[in-house]
Amino acid sequence: FFVSIVVVQWADVLACRTRRLSIYHQGMRNTVLNFGLLSETVLAIILCYVPPINVIGTRPLHFVHWFPAMPFAMIILIYDEIRKYLI
C-alpha cells in the first residue's frame, strides 16, 4: 500500500507541474523536482528494505509489488495529457 502511494505520487507530481504545457514540451529540467522524485523513491526503498527501520510496520517487498500501482499512474498521466491537449 505504501509503495503504491509513492508510485502514484510520481504521476501526480508530473501531471500537476503546469496547467497547460505538456510534459513532452516542458521536459524534466526542474532539478528540485527531480531531486524530490529521487529522494521520495530512496526514502521508500529505505523504509521497505533497511531492517532497523522496519519497526514502523513495513517489510521487504518483491520487485513485482512495485508494479500494481503503475496502471493507475499511467491513467493519471494519460488523462492529464489529454486534458492539456484539449485546452
N, C-alpha and C. Protein backbone atom coordinates (compact mmCIF):
# COMPACT_ATOMS: atom_id res chain seq x y z
N PHE A 1 0.82 -1.19 0.00
CA PHE A 1 0.00 0.00 0.00
C PHE A 1 0.87 1.27 0.00
N PHE A 2 1.88 1.30 0.83
CA PHE A 2 2.77 2.46 0.92
C PHE A 2 3.47 2.72 -0.40
N VAL A 3 3.99 1.67 -1.02
CA VAL A 3 4.71 1.82 -2.29
C VAL A 3 3.75 2.27 -3.38
N SER A 4 2.51 1.83 -3.33
CA SER A 4 1.51 2.27 -4.33
C SER A 4 1.29 3.77 -4.24
N ILE A 5 1.25 4.30 -3.05
CA ILE A 5 1.09 5.75 -2.88
C ILE A 5 2.28 6.49 -3.47
N VAL A 6 3.47 5.98 -3.25
CA VAL A 6 4.68 6.62 -3.79
C VAL A 6 4.65 6.62 -5.31
N VAL A 7 4.30 5.49 -5.91
CA VAL A 7 4.27 5.38 -7.37
C VAL A 7 3.23 6.33 -7.97
N VAL A 8 2.06 6.40 -7.37
CA VAL A 8 1.01 7.29 -7.89
C VAL A 8 1.40 8.75 -7.66
N GLN A 9 2.15 9.05 -6.61
CA GLN A 9 2.61 10.42 -6.40
C GLN A 9 3.58 10.85 -7.49
N TRP A 10 4.37 9.92 -8.03
CA TRP A 10 5.24 10.25 -9.16
C TRP A 10 4.40 10.82 -10.29
N ALA A 11 3.33 10.11 -10.65
CA ALA A 11 2.47 10.55 -11.75
C ALA A 11 1.78 11.86 -11.40
N ASP A 12 1.33 11.97 -10.17
CA ASP A 12 0.61 13.18 -9.77
C ASP A 12 1.50 14.41 -9.84
N VAL A 13 2.73 14.30 -9.38
CA VAL A 13 3.62 15.47 -9.43
C VAL A 13 3.98 15.81 -10.88
N LEU A 14 4.12 14.82 -11.74
CA LEU A 14 4.41 15.11 -13.15
C LEU A 14 3.20 15.72 -13.85
N ALA A 15 2.01 15.31 -13.45
CA ALA A 15 0.80 15.83 -14.08
C ALA A 15 0.48 17.25 -13.61
N CYS A 16 0.80 17.57 -12.37
CA CYS A 16 0.40 18.87 -11.80
C CYS A 16 1.44 19.96 -11.95
N ARG A 17 2.48 19.73 -12.71
CA ARG A 17 3.53 20.74 -12.84
C ARG A 17 3.03 22.00 -13.54
N THR A 18 2.28 21.87 -14.60
CA THR A 18 1.71 23.03 -15.28
C THR A 18 0.26 22.73 -15.63
N ARG A 19 -0.50 23.79 -15.87
CA ARG A 19 -1.90 23.59 -16.24
C ARG A 19 -2.08 23.30 -17.73
N ARG A 20 -1.22 23.88 -18.55
CA ARG A 20 -1.44 23.79 -19.99
C ARG A 20 -0.31 23.16 -20.77
N LEU A 21 0.89 23.19 -20.26
CA LEU A 21 2.05 22.72 -21.01
C LEU A 21 2.26 21.23 -20.78
N SER A 22 2.35 20.49 -21.87
CA SER A 22 2.52 19.05 -21.79
C SER A 22 3.89 18.68 -21.24
N ILE A 23 4.00 17.51 -20.66
CA ILE A 23 5.28 17.04 -20.14
C ILE A 23 6.28 16.87 -21.28
N TYR A 24 5.79 16.59 -22.48
CA TYR A 24 6.68 16.44 -23.64
C TYR A 24 7.30 17.77 -24.05
N HIS A 25 6.57 18.86 -23.86
CA HIS A 25 7.09 20.18 -24.22
C HIS A 25 7.92 20.79 -23.09
N GLN A 26 7.55 20.52 -21.87
CA GLN A 26 8.27 21.11 -20.74
C GLN A 26 9.52 20.32 -20.39
N GLY A 27 9.47 19.02 -20.48
CA GLY A 27 10.63 18.20 -20.16
C GLY A 27 10.82 18.04 -18.66
N MET A 28 12.00 17.56 -18.30
CA MET A 28 12.32 17.31 -16.89
C MET A 28 13.52 18.17 -16.47
N ARG A 29 13.44 19.47 -16.74
CA ARG A 29 14.55 20.37 -16.46
C ARG A 29 14.58 20.89 -15.03
N ASN A 30 13.53 20.69 -14.27
CA ASN A 30 13.44 21.21 -12.91
C ASN A 30 14.26 20.31 -11.97
N THR A 31 15.42 20.78 -11.56
CA THR A 31 16.31 19.95 -10.75
C THR A 31 15.75 19.71 -9.35
N VAL A 32 15.01 20.65 -8.80
CA VAL A 32 14.42 20.46 -7.48
C VAL A 32 13.36 19.36 -7.55
N LEU A 33 12.55 19.37 -8.59
CA LEU A 33 11.55 18.33 -8.76
C LEU A 33 12.20 16.97 -8.96
N ASN A 34 13.23 16.91 -9.77
CA ASN A 34 13.94 15.65 -10.00
C ASN A 34 14.56 15.13 -8.70
N PHE A 35 15.14 16.03 -7.91
CA PHE A 35 15.68 15.64 -6.62
C PHE A 35 14.57 15.14 -5.69
N GLY A 36 13.43 15.78 -5.73
CA GLY A 36 12.29 15.35 -4.90
C GLY A 36 11.80 13.97 -5.28
N LEU A 37 11.69 13.71 -6.58
CA LEU A 37 11.28 12.37 -7.02
C LEU A 37 12.29 11.31 -6.61
N LEU A 38 13.56 11.64 -6.76
CA LEU A 38 14.61 10.70 -6.39
C LEU A 38 14.63 10.46 -4.88
N SER A 39 14.52 11.53 -4.10
CA SER A 39 14.57 11.37 -2.65
C SER A 39 13.34 10.63 -2.12
N GLU A 40 12.18 10.85 -2.73
CA GLU A 40 10.97 10.11 -2.34
C GLU A 40 11.14 8.62 -2.61
N THR A 41 11.73 8.30 -3.76
CA THR A 41 11.95 6.91 -4.11
C THR A 41 12.98 6.27 -3.18
N VAL A 42 14.06 6.98 -2.90
CA VAL A 42 15.08 6.45 -2.00
C VAL A 42 14.52 6.26 -0.59
N LEU A 43 13.71 7.19 -0.13
CA LEU A 43 13.09 7.06 1.19
C LEU A 43 12.16 5.85 1.24
N ALA A 44 11.39 5.63 0.18
CA ALA A 44 10.51 4.45 0.14
C ALA A 44 11.33 3.17 0.16
N ILE A 45 12.43 3.15 -0.57
CA ILE A 45 13.30 1.97 -0.59
C ILE A 45 13.90 1.74 0.80
N ILE A 46 14.35 2.79 1.45
CA ILE A 46 14.93 2.65 2.79
C ILE A 46 13.88 2.15 3.78
N LEU A 47 12.68 2.72 3.73
CA LEU A 47 11.63 2.30 4.65
C LEU A 47 11.20 0.86 4.43
N CYS A 48 11.34 0.37 3.21
CA CYS A 48 10.92 -1.01 2.93
C CYS A 48 12.02 -2.04 3.13
N TYR A 49 13.25 -1.68 2.86
CA TYR A 49 14.29 -2.70 2.78
C TYR A 49 15.38 -2.63 3.85
N VAL A 50 15.48 -1.56 4.62
CA VAL A 50 16.51 -1.47 5.66
C VAL A 50 15.93 -2.02 6.97
N PRO A 51 16.48 -3.12 7.47
CA PRO A 51 15.88 -3.81 8.62
C PRO A 51 15.70 -2.97 9.89
N PRO A 52 16.63 -2.14 10.33
CA PRO A 52 16.37 -1.39 11.57
C PRO A 52 15.18 -0.43 11.47
N ILE A 53 14.85 -0.02 10.29
CA ILE A 53 13.75 0.95 10.12
C ILE A 53 12.41 0.23 9.94
N ASN A 54 12.41 -1.07 9.77
CA ASN A 54 11.18 -1.82 9.57
C ASN A 54 10.31 -1.89 10.82
N VAL A 55 10.70 -1.24 11.90
CA VAL A 55 9.89 -1.24 13.12
C VAL A 55 8.59 -0.46 12.94
N ILE A 56 8.49 0.34 11.88
CA ILE A 56 7.26 1.10 11.66
C ILE A 56 6.19 0.27 10.96
N GLY A 57 6.48 -0.99 10.69
CA GLY A 57 5.46 -1.88 10.14
C GLY A 57 5.63 -2.24 8.68
N THR A 58 6.68 -1.78 8.06
CA THR A 58 6.90 -2.16 6.67
C THR A 58 7.73 -3.44 6.62
N ARG A 59 7.69 -4.10 5.49
CA ARG A 59 8.51 -5.28 5.30
C ARG A 59 9.05 -5.29 3.89
N PRO A 60 10.13 -6.02 3.66
CA PRO A 60 10.71 -6.05 2.31
C PRO A 60 9.72 -6.57 1.28
N LEU A 61 9.67 -5.90 0.14
CA LEU A 61 8.76 -6.28 -0.94
C LEU A 61 9.54 -6.93 -2.07
N HIS A 62 8.86 -7.82 -2.77
CA HIS A 62 9.44 -8.32 -4.01
C HIS A 62 9.32 -7.19 -5.04
N PHE A 63 10.21 -7.19 -6.01
CA PHE A 63 10.23 -6.12 -7.00
C PHE A 63 8.90 -6.00 -7.74
N VAL A 64 8.22 -7.11 -7.98
CA VAL A 64 6.94 -7.07 -8.72
C VAL A 64 5.85 -6.35 -7.95
N HIS A 65 6.00 -6.17 -6.64
CA HIS A 65 4.98 -5.47 -5.87
C HIS A 65 5.02 -3.96 -6.06
N TRP A 66 6.02 -3.47 -6.78
CA TRP A 66 6.05 -2.05 -7.13
C TRP A 66 5.16 -1.77 -8.35
N PHE A 67 4.74 -2.80 -9.06
CA PHE A 67 4.03 -2.62 -10.33
C PHE A 67 2.51 -2.47 -10.26
N PRO A 68 1.78 -2.98 -9.27
CA PRO A 68 0.31 -2.85 -9.31
C PRO A 68 -0.21 -1.42 -9.40
N ALA A 69 0.53 -0.45 -8.90
CA ALA A 69 0.06 0.94 -8.97
C ALA A 69 0.38 1.60 -10.31
N MET A 70 1.21 0.97 -11.13
CA MET A 70 1.60 1.57 -12.42
C MET A 70 0.42 1.88 -13.34
N PRO A 71 -0.58 0.97 -13.47
CA PRO A 71 -1.72 1.34 -14.33
C PRO A 71 -2.44 2.60 -13.87
N PHE A 72 -2.58 2.77 -12.57
CA PHE A 72 -3.24 3.97 -12.05
C PHE A 72 -2.40 5.22 -12.32
N ALA A 73 -1.10 5.09 -12.19
CA ALA A 73 -0.21 6.21 -12.51
C ALA A 73 -0.30 6.56 -13.99
N MET A 74 -0.36 5.55 -14.84
CA MET A 74 -0.49 5.80 -16.28
C MET A 74 -1.83 6.46 -16.60
N ILE A 75 -2.89 6.05 -15.93
CA ILE A 75 -4.20 6.67 -16.15
C ILE A 75 -4.15 8.15 -15.79
N ILE A 76 -3.52 8.48 -14.67
CA ILE A 76 -3.40 9.88 -14.26
C ILE A 76 -2.64 10.68 -15.31
N LEU A 77 -1.51 10.16 -15.76
CA LEU A 77 -0.70 10.88 -16.75
C LEU A 77 -1.43 11.01 -18.09
N ILE A 78 -2.03 9.94 -18.57
CA ILE A 78 -2.73 9.99 -19.86
C ILE A 78 -3.92 10.94 -19.79
N TYR A 79 -4.69 10.86 -18.72
CA TYR A 79 -5.83 11.76 -18.57
C TYR A 79 -5.38 13.22 -18.58
N ASP A 80 -4.31 13.52 -17.84
CA ASP A 80 -3.86 14.90 -17.77
C ASP A 80 -3.29 15.38 -19.10
N GLU A 81 -2.58 14.51 -19.81
CA GLU A 81 -2.05 14.89 -21.12
C GLU A 81 -3.19 15.16 -22.12
N ILE A 82 -4.23 14.35 -22.07
CA ILE A 82 -5.41 14.58 -22.95
C ILE A 82 -6.09 15.90 -22.57
N ARG A 83 -6.23 16.14 -21.26
CA ARG A 83 -6.84 17.40 -20.82
C ARG A 83 -6.02 18.59 -21.30
N LYS A 84 -4.69 18.51 -21.19
CA LYS A 84 -3.84 19.61 -21.63
C LYS A 84 -3.90 19.79 -23.16
N TYR A 85 -4.04 18.70 -23.87
CA TYR A 85 -4.15 18.79 -25.34
C TYR A 85 -5.46 19.50 -25.73
N LEU A 86 -6.53 19.25 -25.00
CA LEU A 86 -7.82 19.84 -25.33
C LEU A 86 -7.92 21.30 -24.91
N ILE A 87 -7.06 21.74 -24.04
CA ILE A 87 -7.10 23.16 -23.61
C ILE A 87 -6.56 24.02 -24.66
